[in-house]
Amino acid sequence: MTREEALAEARTAIGRAKTLAGHAENAAHNNDLRHKAPGFAAAGAAWADVARSYTAIAAVLPEPKPTSDNETPEV
């Protein structure tokens, strides 16, 4: 896994966490859906943990070496 791949996974997980947090908030404000709020919140928290994990992985991976316009990045 490269640093950019880990960051891409983190961004995906952040998006899922954000979406689920929104669902949890909406459910918390709706009497008919309030019972679903804890589940949405827990799932969102799990995705936030995944995002933090991928961010930590990215932090320890080497950055790609600078290249010219005609070269592919090396790690």
N, C-alpha and C. Protein backbone atom coordinates (compact mmCIF):
# COMPACT_ATOMS: atom_id res chain seq x y z
N MET A 1 0.85 -1.17 0.00
CA MET A 1 0.00 0.00 0.00
C MET A 1 0.90 1.23 0.00
N THR A 2 0.55 2.18 -0.84
CA THR A 2 1.30 3.43 -0.87
C THR A 2 0.64 4.45 0.05
N ARG A 3 1.37 5.52 0.29
CA ARG A 3 0.82 6.59 1.13
C ARG A 3 -0.46 7.15 0.52
N GLU A 4 -0.46 7.38 -0.78
CA GLU A 4 -1.64 7.94 -1.45
C GLU A 4 -2.82 6.98 -1.38
N GLU A 5 -2.57 5.69 -1.48
CA GLU A 5 -3.65 4.70 -1.35
C GLU A 5 -4.24 4.73 0.05
N ALA A 6 -3.38 4.81 1.05
CA ALA A 6 -3.86 4.87 2.44
C ALA A 6 -4.68 6.14 2.67
N LEU A 7 -4.22 7.25 2.12
CA LEU A 7 -4.98 8.50 2.27
C LEU A 7 -6.31 8.44 1.53
N ALA A 8 -6.34 7.77 0.38
CA ALA A 8 -7.60 7.62 -0.35
C ALA A 8 -8.59 6.78 0.46
N GLU A 9 -8.10 5.72 1.09
CA GLU A 9 -8.96 4.89 1.95
C GLU A 9 -9.46 5.71 3.13
N ALA A 10 -8.59 6.53 3.70
CA ALA A 10 -8.99 7.38 4.83
C ALA A 10 -10.08 8.35 4.40
N ARG A 11 -9.92 8.94 3.21
CA ARG A 11 -10.95 9.88 2.73
C ARG A 11 -12.29 9.18 2.52
N THR A 12 -12.25 7.97 1.99
CA THR A 12 -13.49 7.21 1.80
C THR A 12 -14.16 6.93 3.15
N ALA A 13 -13.36 6.50 4.12
CA ALA A 13 -13.90 6.20 5.45
C ALA A 13 -14.45 7.45 6.12
N ILE A 14 -13.79 8.59 5.93
CA ILE A 14 -14.28 9.85 6.49
C ILE A 14 -15.65 10.19 5.90
N GLY A 15 -15.79 9.98 4.60
CA GLY A 15 -17.08 10.25 3.95
C GLY A 15 -18.19 9.39 4.52
N ARG A 16 -17.89 8.12 4.75
CA ARG A 16 -18.90 7.22 5.33
C ARG A 16 -19.23 7.62 6.76
N ALA A 17 -18.21 7.99 7.52
CA ALA A 17 -18.44 8.43 8.90
C ALA A 17 -19.32 9.67 8.93
N LYS A 18 -19.03 10.59 8.04
CA LYS A 18 -19.81 11.84 7.97
C LYS A 18 -21.26 11.56 7.60
N THR A 19 -21.47 10.70 6.62
CA THR A 19 -22.83 10.34 6.21
C THR A 19 -23.60 9.70 7.36
N LEU A 20 -22.96 8.76 8.04
CA LEU A 20 -23.64 8.07 9.14
C LEU A 20 -23.90 9.01 10.32
N ALA A 21 -22.99 9.94 10.56
CA ALA A 21 -23.23 10.93 11.61
C ALA A 21 -24.45 11.77 11.28
N GLY A 22 -24.60 12.12 10.01
CA GLY A 22 -25.79 12.87 9.58
C GLY A 22 -27.06 12.06 9.78
N HIS A 23 -27.00 10.78 9.43
CA HIS A 23 -28.17 9.91 9.65
C HIS A 23 -28.51 9.82 11.14
N ALA A 24 -27.47 9.70 11.97
CA ALA A 24 -27.71 9.61 13.41
C ALA A 24 -28.35 10.89 13.93
N GLU A 25 -27.87 12.03 13.47
CA GLU A 25 -28.44 13.30 13.91
C GLU A 25 -29.90 13.43 13.47
N ASN A 26 -30.16 13.09 12.21
CA ASN A 26 -31.54 13.16 11.71
C ASN A 26 -32.46 12.22 12.49
N ALA A 27 -31.98 11.02 12.74
CA ALA A 27 -32.80 10.05 13.49
C ALA A 27 -33.05 10.52 14.91
N ALA A 28 -32.06 11.16 15.50
CA ALA A 28 -32.22 11.65 16.88
C ALA A 28 -33.30 12.72 16.98
N HIS A 29 -33.53 13.43 15.90
CA HIS A 29 -34.53 14.50 15.90
C HIS A 29 -35.91 14.04 15.41
N ASN A 30 -36.02 12.76 15.09
CA ASN A 30 -37.28 12.23 14.56
C ASN A 30 -37.78 11.15 15.52
N ASN A 31 -38.95 11.39 16.12
CA ASN A 31 -39.48 10.43 17.10
C ASN A 31 -39.65 9.03 16.55
N ASP A 32 -40.00 8.90 15.27
CA ASP A 32 -40.20 7.58 14.68
C ASP A 32 -38.89 6.85 14.40
N LEU A 33 -37.79 7.59 14.26
CA LEU A 33 -36.50 6.99 13.93
C LEU A 33 -35.49 7.05 15.07
N ARG A 34 -35.89 7.64 16.19
CA ARG A 34 -34.95 7.84 17.29
C ARG A 34 -34.27 6.55 17.72
N HIS A 35 -34.96 5.43 17.66
CA HIS A 35 -34.38 4.15 18.07
C HIS A 35 -33.22 3.71 17.17
N LYS A 36 -33.13 4.28 15.97
CA LYS A 36 -32.04 3.94 15.06
C LYS A 36 -30.80 4.81 15.25
N ALA A 37 -30.92 5.90 15.96
CA ALA A 37 -29.80 6.84 16.13
C ALA A 37 -28.56 6.18 16.73
N PRO A 38 -28.68 5.37 17.79
CA PRO A 38 -27.47 4.76 18.35
C PRO A 38 -26.73 3.85 17.35
N GLY A 39 -27.48 3.14 16.55
CA GLY A 39 -26.86 2.27 15.55
C GLY A 39 -26.10 3.07 14.50
N PHE A 40 -26.73 4.15 14.02
CA PHE A 40 -26.05 5.02 13.05
C PHE A 40 -24.81 5.63 13.68
N ALA A 41 -24.93 6.08 14.92
CA ALA A 41 -23.79 6.70 15.61
C ALA A 41 -22.65 5.70 15.80
N ALA A 42 -22.96 4.49 16.17
CA ALA A 42 -21.93 3.46 16.37
C ALA A 42 -21.24 3.12 15.05
N ALA A 43 -22.02 2.99 13.99
CA ALA A 43 -21.41 2.70 12.68
C ALA A 43 -20.53 3.86 12.23
N GLY A 44 -20.99 5.08 12.45
CA GLY A 44 -20.19 6.25 12.10
C GLY A 44 -18.90 6.30 12.89
N ALA A 45 -18.96 5.95 14.17
CA ALA A 45 -17.76 5.93 15.00
C ALA A 45 -16.78 4.85 14.52
N ALA A 46 -17.31 3.72 14.08
CA ALA A 46 -16.44 2.66 13.56
C ALA A 46 -15.72 3.13 12.30
N TRP A 47 -16.45 3.80 11.41
CA TRP A 47 -15.81 4.32 10.20
C TRP A 47 -14.80 5.41 10.53
N ALA A 48 -15.06 6.21 11.55
CA ALA A 48 -14.08 7.22 11.97
C ALA A 48 -12.81 6.54 12.47
N ASP A 49 -12.96 5.41 13.17
CA ASP A 49 -11.79 4.64 13.62
C ASP A 49 -11.00 4.11 12.42
N VAL A 50 -11.71 3.65 11.41
CA VAL A 50 -11.05 3.17 10.19
C VAL A 50 -10.26 4.31 9.54
N ALA A 51 -10.87 5.48 9.47
CA ALA A 51 -10.20 6.64 8.88
C ALA A 51 -8.93 6.98 9.66
N ARG A 52 -9.02 6.96 10.98
CA ARG A 52 -7.83 7.25 11.80
C ARG A 52 -6.75 6.20 11.59
N SER A 53 -7.15 4.95 11.43
CA SER A 53 -6.18 3.88 11.20
C SER A 53 -5.44 4.08 9.88
N TYR A 54 -6.18 4.36 8.83
CA TYR A 54 -5.54 4.59 7.52
C TYR A 54 -4.67 5.85 7.55
N THR A 55 -5.09 6.85 8.29
CA THR A 55 -4.27 8.05 8.41
C THR A 55 -2.96 7.74 9.12
N ALA A 56 -3.02 6.92 10.15
CA ALA A 56 -1.81 6.51 10.87
C ALA A 56 -0.89 5.70 9.96
N ILE A 57 -1.47 4.83 9.16
CA ILE A 57 -0.67 4.05 8.21
C ILE A 57 0.01 4.99 7.22
N ALA A 58 -0.74 5.93 6.68
CA ALA A 58 -0.18 6.88 5.72
C ALA A 58 0.96 7.68 6.33
N ALA A 59 0.84 8.00 7.60
CA ALA A 59 1.86 8.81 8.26
C ALA A 59 3.21 8.12 8.34
N VAL A 60 3.23 6.80 8.38
CA VAL A 60 4.50 6.08 8.48
C VAL A 60 5.03 5.60 7.14
N LEU A 61 4.23 5.72 6.09
CA LEU A 61 4.70 5.32 4.76
C LEU A 61 5.51 6.45 4.15
N PRO A 62 6.51 6.10 3.34
CA PRO A 62 7.33 7.15 2.74
C PRO A 62 6.55 7.94 1.68
N GLU A 63 6.90 9.20 1.57
CA GLU A 63 6.30 10.02 0.52
C GLU A 63 6.94 9.63 -0.81
N PRO A 64 6.18 9.73 -1.90
CA PRO A 64 6.78 9.43 -3.21
C PRO A 64 7.91 10.41 -3.50
N LYS A 65 8.94 9.92 -4.16
CA LYS A 65 10.04 10.78 -4.55
C LYS A 65 9.58 11.73 -5.65
N PRO A 66 10.06 12.96 -5.63
CA PRO A 66 9.70 13.89 -6.71
C PRO A 66 10.19 13.35 -8.06
N THR A 67 9.40 13.57 -9.08
CA THR A 67 9.75 13.10 -10.41
C THR A 67 9.58 14.23 -11.41
N SER A 68 10.15 14.00 -12.57
CA SER A 68 9.91 14.94 -13.66
C SER A 68 8.56 14.61 -14.29
N ASP A 69 8.14 15.37 -15.26
CA ASP A 69 6.83 15.15 -15.91
C ASP A 69 6.76 13.81 -16.63
N ASN A 70 7.90 13.24 -17.01
CA ASN A 70 7.91 12.02 -17.83
C ASN A 70 8.14 10.75 -17.02
N GLU A 71 8.29 10.86 -15.71
CA GLU A 71 8.60 9.69 -14.90
C GLU A 71 7.41 9.32 -14.02
N THR A 72 7.34 8.06 -13.65
CA THR A 72 6.34 7.62 -12.69
C THR A 72 6.94 7.75 -11.30
N PRO A 73 6.11 8.03 -10.29
CA PRO A 73 6.64 8.19 -8.93
C PRO A 73 7.21 6.89 -8.39
N GLU A 74 8.29 7.00 -7.67
CA GLU A 74 8.88 5.86 -6.97
C GLU A 74 8.61 5.99 -5.49
N VAL A 75 8.50 4.86 -4.84
CA VAL A 75 8.28 4.88 -3.39
C VAL A 75 9.47 4.27 -2.71
